[in-house]
Amino acid sequence: MTLRARLCGTSAWPPRLLLQSAVLVSAFLPPLAATAQSPDIAPPPSGIVPLPEPFKRPLLIDPENPLAMPGRDGPLTAEPVIGGAVEDLPVPVQRMRDMIMQAARDADYEALRPLLGTGAGATQLSFGVMDGDPIEFIRSLSGDPEGFEILAILLEVLEAHHAVFDPGTPNEIYVWPYFVATSLDDLTPKQRVELFKLVTSGDYEEMRMFGAYVFYRVGITPDGRWRFFVAGD
């Protein structure tokens, strides 16, 4: 059984991803997220989580509302680029990444709590409705009852190289791991070793057939806000 299959066996995780169905669902349903204060509240239609490459990413044109979907004649955004050294990240991004990683290393869920956005800027943790406390939701994603596995995944995701989506635009966002912006068919042997720190060979073959990396990814804005921690499509 693969790591993703184990995660899907937890009570809070949806049934195992059905790739053909996911294409249809993702095309028509916007992701939802809840705030820490009020469950079952969805944000506006969202384009903040970069979509796997088989899908055309939404074109974001409203700098005042990065979740807004554009009209038919909206301008194109910049293509994602693979990032460089951690030291080259904007300081607020480095700081948020370091704080998330330290909390994960320390297995300290309460240290994660103040890092999660709230209200309209709530950190997106699911593509569906999220009930209750976001910290307990993250813990429930783990294959073990204490929630250590999902913290290890979060740490490994942020240890990978990153990609920059919509660079130089008002919607610029830093995304880990960079595999979300690459073709899995074109990975070098070294890059496959990096990927296998996150997923099994079975997961890799399944994602290759689908055409994109769809395991966990993290997004941080240039001003250091933790925008999402999600898996799936």
Protein backbone atom coordinates (compact mmCIF):
# COMPACT_ATOMS: atom_id res chain seq x y z
CA MET A 1 0.00 0.00 0.00
CA THR A 2 1.43 3.38 -0.98
CA LEU A 3 1.88 6.37 1.29
CA ARG A 4 -1.00 8.13 -0.41
CA ALA A 5 -3.18 5.08 0.06
CA ARG A 6 -2.34 5.06 3.76
CA LEU A 7 -3.25 8.71 4.07
CA CYS A 8 -6.50 8.06 2.26
CA GLY A 9 -7.32 5.44 4.84
CA THR A 10 -7.68 8.04 7.58
CA SER A 11 -11.16 9.12 8.54
CA ALA A 12 -10.70 12.78 7.61
CA TRP A 13 -9.24 12.14 4.15
CA PRO A 14 -11.49 11.68 1.11
CA PRO A 15 -11.56 8.36 -0.78
CA ARG A 16 -8.54 7.52 -2.91
CA LEU A 17 -8.08 9.96 -5.77
CA LEU A 18 -9.90 8.85 -8.89
CA LEU A 19 -7.91 10.61 -11.56
CA GLN A 20 -10.47 10.72 -14.32
CA SER A 21 -13.17 11.98 -11.99
CA ALA A 22 -10.81 14.53 -10.49
CA VAL A 23 -10.34 16.18 -13.87
CA LEU A 24 -14.06 16.79 -14.19
CA VAL A 25 -14.53 17.86 -10.58
CA SER A 26 -11.59 20.25 -10.58
CA ALA A 27 -12.76 21.89 -13.78
CA PHE A 28 -16.06 23.01 -12.30
CA LEU A 29 -15.79 23.20 -8.51
CA PRO A 30 -13.66 25.87 -6.77
CA PRO A 31 -11.77 24.79 -3.64
CA LEU A 32 -13.19 25.67 -0.26
CA ALA A 33 -11.49 26.51 3.00
CA ALA A 34 -12.68 27.46 6.47
CA THR A 35 -11.38 29.88 9.00
CA ALA A 36 -10.23 28.93 12.46
CA GLN A 37 -13.08 30.92 13.96
CA SER A 38 -15.96 29.75 11.81
CA PRO A 39 -16.21 26.29 10.17
CA ASP A 40 -17.84 25.58 6.81
CA ILE A 41 -17.12 29.07 5.42
CA ALA A 42 -15.74 29.07 1.90
CA PRO A 43 -13.50 31.80 0.45
CA PRO A 44 -14.15 33.34 -2.97
CA PRO A 45 -13.45 31.18 -6.06
CA SER A 46 -9.78 30.38 -5.68
CA GLY A 47 -6.81 30.34 -8.02
CA ILE A 48 -4.20 30.56 -5.28
CA VAL A 49 -3.23 26.86 -5.42
CA PRO A 50 -1.38 26.13 -8.66
CA LEU A 51 -3.22 23.41 -10.50
CA PRO A 52 -1.49 20.30 -11.88
CA GLU A 53 -0.32 20.82 -15.43
CA PRO A 54 -3.06 18.87 -17.28
CA PHE A 55 -5.30 21.76 -16.22
CA LYS A 56 -5.00 25.31 -17.55
CA ARG A 57 -4.25 27.51 -14.55
CA PRO A 58 -6.72 30.34 -13.92
CA LEU A 59 -5.56 33.72 -15.15
CA LEU A 60 -5.46 36.02 -12.16
CA ILE A 61 -5.89 39.68 -13.01
CA ASP A 62 -7.18 41.48 -9.92
CA PRO A 63 -4.29 42.47 -7.62
CA GLU A 64 -6.80 43.48 -4.94
CA ASN A 65 -8.38 40.03 -4.97
CA PRO A 66 -5.96 37.26 -5.99
CA LEU A 67 -8.79 34.74 -5.65
CA ALA A 68 -10.90 36.41 -8.32
CA MET A 69 -11.41 34.62 -11.63
CA PRO A 70 -10.81 36.82 -14.68
CA GLY A 71 -12.97 37.50 -17.69
CA ARG A 72 -12.41 35.89 -21.05
CA ASP A 73 -10.12 38.69 -22.23
CA GLY A 74 -7.84 38.80 -19.19
CA PRO A 75 -4.07 39.03 -19.72
CA LEU A 76 -1.84 36.00 -19.45
CA THR A 77 0.30 35.57 -16.34
CA ALA A 78 3.98 34.62 -16.28
CA GLU A 79 5.00 30.98 -16.53
CA PRO A 80 6.28 29.31 -13.33
CA VAL A 81 10.04 29.10 -12.87
CA ILE A 82 12.17 26.77 -10.77
CA GLY A 83 13.65 28.64 -7.82
CA GLY A 84 17.25 28.69 -6.65
CA ALA A 85 18.91 28.75 -3.26
CA VAL A 86 16.91 29.25 -0.08
CA GLU A 87 19.06 32.29 0.65
CA ASP A 88 17.67 33.96 -2.48
CA LEU A 89 14.08 33.78 -1.26
CA PRO A 90 12.48 37.00 -0.01
CA VAL A 91 13.20 37.38 3.71
CA PRO A 92 9.52 37.04 4.76
CA VAL A 93 9.27 33.80 2.75
CA GLN A 94 12.45 32.44 4.35
CA ARG A 95 11.13 33.34 7.79
CA MET A 96 7.76 31.64 7.31
CA ARG A 97 9.39 28.54 5.79
CA ASP A 98 11.83 28.32 8.72
CA MET A 99 9.07 28.67 11.32
CA ILE A 100 6.90 25.99 9.69
CA MET A 101 9.86 23.62 9.41
CA GLN A 102 10.92 24.20 13.02
CA ALA A 103 7.42 23.49 14.29
CA ALA A 104 7.32 20.29 12.22
CA ARG A 105 10.75 19.18 13.49
CA ASP A 106 9.66 19.81 17.06
CA ALA A 107 6.33 17.98 16.50
CA ASP A 108 4.75 21.12 17.95
CA TYR A 109 1.28 21.61 16.52
CA GLU A 110 0.61 24.65 18.66
CA ALA A 111 3.64 26.36 17.14
CA LEU A 112 1.94 25.92 13.76
CA ARG A 113 -1.29 27.56 14.90
CA PRO A 114 -0.17 31.23 14.75
CA LEU A 115 1.40 30.59 11.34
CA LEU A 116 -1.93 29.65 9.78
CA GLY A 117 -3.85 32.49 8.21
CA THR A 118 -7.30 33.43 9.49
CA GLY A 119 -10.41 35.06 8.09
CA ALA A 120 -10.21 35.95 4.41
CA GLY A 121 -6.51 35.00 4.46
CA ALA A 122 -7.06 31.55 5.98
CA THR A 123 -4.49 28.97 4.97
CA GLN A 124 -6.16 26.57 2.56
CA LEU A 125 -5.90 22.99 3.86
CA SER A 126 -8.46 21.21 1.70
CA PHE A 127 -10.17 21.38 -1.67
CA GLY A 128 -13.43 20.57 0.12
CA VAL A 129 -15.22 21.85 3.21
CA MET A 130 -13.03 21.82 6.32
CA ASP A 131 -14.80 21.49 9.65
CA GLY A 132 -13.56 22.78 12.98
CA ASP A 133 -10.05 23.47 14.23
CA PRO A 134 -7.48 23.67 11.39
CA ILE A 135 -4.75 22.20 13.62
CA GLU A 136 -6.87 19.14 14.35
CA PHE A 137 -7.66 18.90 10.64
CA ILE A 138 -3.94 18.78 9.79
CA ARG A 139 -3.40 16.15 12.49
CA SER A 140 -6.26 14.08 11.09
CA LEU A 141 -4.53 13.85 7.70
CA SER A 142 -1.79 11.73 9.23
CA GLY A 143 -1.62 7.97 9.01
CA ASP A 144 -0.83 7.77 12.73
CA PRO A 145 -3.17 8.99 15.49
CA GLU A 146 -0.63 11.40 16.97
CA GLY A 147 -0.16 13.21 13.68
CA PHE A 148 3.61 12.79 13.32
CA GLU A 149 3.53 11.42 9.77
CA ILE A 150 1.89 14.50 8.26
CA LEU A 151 4.43 16.73 10.04
CA ALA A 152 7.22 14.67 8.48
CA ILE A 153 5.59 15.13 5.07
CA LEU A 154 5.28 18.88 5.65
CA LEU A 155 8.97 19.03 6.58
CA GLU A 156 10.07 17.00 3.56
CA VAL A 157 7.98 19.14 1.21
CA LEU A 158 9.67 22.31 2.45
CA GLU A 159 13.13 20.71 2.27
CA ALA A 160 12.68 20.26 -1.48
CA HIS A 161 13.46 22.96 -4.03
CA HIS A 162 10.71 25.44 -4.80
CA ALA A 163 9.03 26.96 -7.84
CA VAL A 164 7.82 30.53 -8.31
CA PHE A 165 4.37 30.86 -9.85
CA ASP A 166 3.33 34.10 -11.57
CA PRO A 167 6.78 35.66 -11.00
CA GLY A 168 6.87 39.41 -11.23
CA THR A 169 3.08 39.75 -11.02
CA PRO A 170 0.83 40.78 -8.11
CA ASN A 171 -0.05 37.09 -7.72
CA GLU A 172 3.52 35.82 -7.29
CA ILE A 173 3.71 32.83 -4.93
CA TYR A 174 6.46 30.44 -3.85
CA VAL A 175 5.46 26.77 -4.03
CA TRP A 176 7.12 23.62 -2.64
CA PRO A 177 8.05 21.16 -4.00
CA TYR A 178 9.10 22.33 -7.46
CA PHE A 179 7.75 19.08 -8.96
CA VAL A 180 4.36 20.78 -9.25
CA ALA A 181 5.89 22.96 -11.99
CA THR A 182 7.80 20.24 -13.84
CA SER A 183 7.07 17.35 -16.16
CA LEU A 184 7.46 14.08 -14.28
CA ASP A 185 8.49 12.39 -17.52
CA ASP A 186 11.52 14.69 -17.82
CA LEU A 187 12.99 14.27 -14.34
CA THR A 188 16.68 13.44 -14.13
CA PRO A 189 17.82 10.47 -12.00
CA LYS A 190 18.85 12.91 -9.25
CA GLN A 191 15.45 14.59 -9.36
CA ARG A 192 13.70 11.22 -9.10
CA VAL A 193 15.68 10.47 -5.96
CA GLU A 194 14.46 13.82 -4.57
CA LEU A 195 10.88 12.96 -5.52
CA PHE A 196 11.08 9.52 -3.90
CA LYS A 197 11.76 11.21 -0.57
CA LEU A 198 8.13 12.34 -0.82
CA VAL A 199 6.32 9.56 -2.69
CA THR A 200 6.77 5.89 -3.53
CA SER A 201 7.57 4.52 -6.97
CA GLY A 202 3.93 3.43 -7.22
CA ASP A 203 2.76 6.98 -6.51
CA TYR A 204 5.21 8.26 -9.12
CA GLU A 205 3.90 5.92 -11.82
CA GLU A 206 0.31 6.87 -11.01
CA MET A 207 1.11 10.58 -11.18
CA ARG A 208 3.01 10.05 -14.44
CA MET A 209 -0.07 8.44 -15.94
CA PHE A 210 -2.15 11.37 -14.70
CA GLY A 211 0.41 13.83 -16.01
CA ALA A 212 1.29 15.89 -12.93
CA TYR A 213 2.52 15.91 -9.35
CA VAL A 214 -0.57 15.87 -7.11
CA PHE A 215 0.88 15.06 -3.68
CA TYR A 216 1.24 17.61 -0.87
CA ARG A 217 2.46 21.12 -1.67
CA VAL A 218 2.94 24.35 0.27
CA GLY A 219 2.49 27.93 -0.93
CA ILE A 220 3.89 31.08 0.68
CA THR A 221 3.34 34.62 -0.61
CA PRO A 222 6.23 37.11 -1.04
CA ASP A 223 5.13 38.91 2.13
CA GLY A 224 5.38 35.69 4.15
CA ARG A 225 1.77 34.49 4.38
CA TRP A 226 1.18 30.73 4.41
CA ARG A 227 -1.49 30.39 1.73
CA PHE A 228 -1.97 26.61 1.36
CA PHE A 229 -0.97 23.09 2.36
CA VAL A 230 -2.94 20.70 0.18
CA ALA A 231 -2.76 17.46 -1.76
CA GLY A 232 -4.80 16.27 -4.71
CA ASP A 233 -6.14 18.22 -7.64
